[in-house]
Amino acid sequence: MPAVAPSPVKPFLMFEGRAEEAMNLYVSLIPDSRIERVERYGPEGPGAPGSLRSALFLLGGAPVLCSDSPVAHAFTFTPSLSLYVTCRSEEEIGGLAAALPKAGSS
């Protein structure tokens, strides 16, 4: 099977304080999974020191991002799924930001 090129689009899971616990559970249960990168909030915040600012892990070989939101919500895990898009330039970000609201209203 040919290698798959890295995608600039990844599923993004947002938690409120339990991202690392969830990530470790998923990685322990699903074969071909591992933690790739972990960034933590420091004492300067805005999240609780030591909580996950951003983490990248492979789940069954597929990349997934997660974080602990520093904002208090009425839920501990968002009931939706977000897609995190890595853009190569400010122009690309601007183009997506302008096009997506128009596409969502049709």
C-alpha atoms as a PDB file:
ATOM      1  CA  MET A   1       0.000   0.000   0.000  1.00  0.00           C
ATOM      2  CA  PRO A   2       1.474   3.435  -0.910  1.00  0.00           C
ATOM      3  CA  ALA A   3       2.253   5.920   1.857  1.00  0.00           C
ATOM      4  CA  VAL A   4      -0.427   8.493   2.522  1.00  0.00           C
ATOM      5  CA  ALA A   5       0.666  12.126   2.398  1.00  0.00           C
ATOM      6  CA  PRO A   6       0.136  14.074   5.629  1.00  0.00           C
ATOM      7  CA  SER A   7      -3.156  15.943   5.627  1.00  0.00           C
ATOM      8  CA  PRO A   8      -3.507  19.558   6.730  1.00  0.00           C
ATOM      9  CA  VAL A   9      -6.954  18.604   8.140  1.00  0.00           C
ATOM     10  CA  LYS A  10      -7.184  16.676  11.418  1.00  0.00           C
ATOM     11  CA  PRO A  11     -10.017  15.846  13.817  1.00  0.00           C
ATOM     12  CA  PHE A  12      -9.794  18.013  16.933  1.00  0.00           C
ATOM     13  CA  LEU A  13     -11.162  16.944  20.331  1.00  0.00           C
ATOM     14  CA  MET A  14     -11.682  19.594  23.005  1.00  0.00           C
ATOM     15  CA  PHE A  15     -11.858  18.696  26.684  1.00  0.00           C
ATOM     16  CA  GLU A  16     -12.140  20.642  29.900  1.00  0.00           C
ATOM     17  CA  GLY A  17      -9.350  19.146  32.000  1.00  0.00           C
ATOM     18  CA  ARG A  18      -9.275  15.475  30.938  1.00  0.00           C
ATOM     19  CA  ALA A  19      -7.682  15.535  27.476  1.00  0.00           C
ATOM     20  CA  GLU A  20      -4.545  13.686  28.546  1.00  0.00           C
ATOM     21  CA  GLU A  21      -6.539  10.979  30.319  1.00  0.00           C
ATOM     22  CA  ALA A  22      -8.718  10.452  27.232  1.00  0.00           C
ATOM     23  CA  MET A  23      -5.744  10.477  24.850  1.00  0.00           C
ATOM     24  CA  ASN A  24      -3.924   7.866  26.967  1.00  0.00           C
ATOM     25  CA  LEU A  25      -7.041   5.677  27.062  1.00  0.00           C
ATOM     26  CA  TYR A  26      -7.584   5.846  23.284  1.00  0.00           C
ATOM     27  CA  VAL A  27      -3.910   5.082  22.591  1.00  0.00           C
ATOM     28  CA  SER A  28      -3.952   2.121  25.009  1.00  0.00           C
ATOM     29  CA  LEU A  29      -7.051   0.583  23.422  1.00  0.00           C
ATOM     30  CA  ILE A  30      -6.522   0.998  19.681  1.00  0.00           C
ATOM     31  CA  PRO A  31      -3.677  -0.793  17.875  1.00  0.00           C
ATOM     32  CA  ASP A  32      -1.175   1.277  15.852  1.00  0.00           C
ATOM     33  CA  SER A  33      -1.659   4.266  18.167  1.00  0.00           C
ATOM     34  CA  ARG A  34       0.866   6.479  19.923  1.00  0.00           C
ATOM     35  CA  ILE A  35       1.369   9.949  21.329  1.00  0.00           C
ATOM     36  CA  GLU A  36       3.414  12.129  18.988  1.00  0.00           C
ATOM     37  CA  ARG A  37       3.554  15.566  20.649  1.00  0.00           C
ATOM     38  CA  VAL A  38       2.385  17.180  23.889  1.00  0.00           C
ATOM     39  CA  GLU A  39       2.435  20.910  24.714  1.00  0.00           C
ATOM     40  CA  ARG A  40       1.347  22.025  28.183  1.00  0.00           C
ATOM     41  CA  TYR A  41       0.137  25.307  29.588  1.00  0.00           C
ATOM     42  CA  GLY A  42       2.691  26.969  31.842  1.00  0.00           C
ATOM     43  CA  PRO A  43       2.155  29.284  34.800  1.00  0.00           C
ATOM     44  CA  GLU A  44       1.416  32.159  32.399  1.00  0.00           C
ATOM     45  CA  GLY A  45      -1.810  30.361  31.292  1.00  0.00           C
ATOM     46  CA  PRO A  46      -4.369  30.851  30.012  1.00  0.00           C
ATOM     47  CA  GLY A  47      -5.070  27.199  30.937  1.00  0.00           C
ATOM     48  CA  ALA A  48      -4.283  25.482  34.226  1.00  0.00           C
ATOM     49  CA  PRO A  49      -0.515  24.878  34.533  1.00  0.00           C
ATOM     50  CA  GLY A  50       0.340  21.399  33.241  1.00  0.00           C
ATOM     51  CA  SER A  51      -2.929  20.894  31.365  1.00  0.00           C
ATOM     52  CA  LEU A  52      -2.768  20.136  27.642  1.00  0.00           C
ATOM     53  CA  ARG A  53      -2.445  23.199  25.448  1.00  0.00           C
ATOM     54  CA  SER A  54      -2.201  20.944  22.415  1.00  0.00           C
ATOM     55  CA  ALA A  55      -1.465  17.287  21.797  1.00  0.00           C
ATOM     56  CA  LEU A  56      -1.093  15.242  18.631  1.00  0.00           C
ATOM     57  CA  PHE A  57      -1.553  11.502  18.699  1.00  0.00           C
ATOM     58  CA  LEU A  58      -2.027   8.753  16.154  1.00  0.00           C
ATOM     59  CA  LEU A  59      -5.170   6.691  16.584  1.00  0.00           C
ATOM     60  CA  GLY A  60      -5.007   3.585  14.443  1.00  0.00           C
ATOM     61  CA  GLY A  61      -2.372   5.441  12.430  1.00  0.00           C
ATOM     62  CA  ALA A  62      -4.629   8.493  11.861  1.00  0.00           C
ATOM     63  CA  PRO A  63      -3.587  11.860  13.355  1.00  0.00           C
ATOM     64  CA  VAL A  64      -5.876  13.437  15.978  1.00  0.00           C
ATOM     65  CA  LEU A  65      -5.405  16.701  17.888  1.00  0.00           C
ATOM     66  CA  CYS A  66      -6.756  17.410  21.368  1.00  0.00           C
ATOM     67  CA  SER A  67      -6.557  20.069  24.050  1.00  0.00           C
ATOM     68  CA  ASP A  68      -7.928  21.188  27.390  1.00  0.00           C
ATOM     69  CA  SER A  69      -9.953  24.333  26.846  1.00  0.00           C
ATOM     70  CA  PRO A  70      -9.027  27.140  29.237  1.00  0.00           C
ATOM     71  CA  VAL A  71     -12.619  28.421  28.913  1.00  0.00           C
ATOM     72  CA  ALA A  72     -15.293  27.051  31.276  1.00  0.00           C
ATOM     73  CA  HIS A  73     -18.163  25.369  29.393  1.00  0.00           C
ATOM     74  CA  ALA A  74     -21.426  23.725  30.402  1.00  0.00           C
ATOM     75  CA  PHE A  75     -19.891  20.406  29.303  1.00  0.00           C
ATOM     76  CA  THR A  76     -16.611  18.589  29.995  1.00  0.00           C
ATOM     77  CA  PHE A  77     -16.200  17.216  26.470  1.00  0.00           C
ATOM     78  CA  THR A  78     -17.598  19.060  23.499  1.00  0.00           C
ATOM     79  CA  PRO A  79     -20.599  17.246  22.003  1.00  0.00           C
ATOM     80  CA  SER A  80     -19.349  18.129  18.528  1.00  0.00           C
ATOM     81  CA  LEU A  81     -16.297  17.412  16.414  1.00  0.00           C
ATOM     82  CA  SER A  82     -14.039  20.115  15.061  1.00  0.00           C
ATOM     83  CA  LEU A  83     -11.650  19.955  12.132  1.00  0.00           C
ATOM     84  CA  TYR A  84      -8.306  21.679  12.626  1.00  0.00           C
ATOM     85  CA  VAL A  85      -6.964  23.013   9.317  1.00  0.00           C
ATOM     86  CA  THR A  86      -3.281  23.883   8.945  1.00  0.00           C
ATOM     87  CA  CYS A  87      -2.889  26.725   6.460  1.00  0.00           C
ATOM     88  CA  ARG A  88       0.309  27.718   4.661  1.00  0.00           C
ATOM     89  CA  SER A  89      -0.341  31.479   4.624  1.00  0.00           C
ATOM     90  CA  GLU A  90      -2.469  34.344   5.946  1.00  0.00           C
ATOM     91  CA  GLU A  91      -4.075  34.539   2.497  1.00  0.00           C
ATOM     92  CA  GLU A  92      -5.185  30.912   2.711  1.00  0.00           C
ATOM     93  CA  ILE A  93      -6.692  31.548   6.164  1.00  0.00           C
ATOM     94  CA  GLY A  94      -8.491  34.634   4.833  1.00  0.00           C
ATOM     95  CA  GLY A  95      -9.846  32.771   1.822  1.00  0.00           C
ATOM     96  CA  LEU A  96     -11.236  29.970   3.995  1.00  0.00           C
ATOM     97  CA  ALA A  97     -12.671  32.422   6.529  1.00  0.00           C
ATOM     98  CA  ALA A  98     -14.467  34.298   3.742  1.00  0.00           C
ATOM     99  CA  ALA A  99     -15.759  31.221   1.890  1.00  0.00           C
ATOM    100  CA  LEU A 100     -16.949  29.005   4.747  1.00  0.00           C
ATOM    101  CA  PRO A 101     -19.734  31.253   6.114  1.00  0.00           C
ATOM    102  CA  LYS A 102     -21.116  31.692   2.577  1.00  0.00           C
ATOM    103  CA  ALA A 103     -21.070  27.935   1.953  1.00  0.00           C
ATOM    104  CA  GLY A 104     -22.786  27.231   5.283  1.00  0.00           C
ATOM    105  CA  SER A 105     -25.717  29.535   4.525  1.00  0.00           C
ATOM    106  CA  SER A 106     -26.759  27.824   1.303  1.00  0.00           C
END
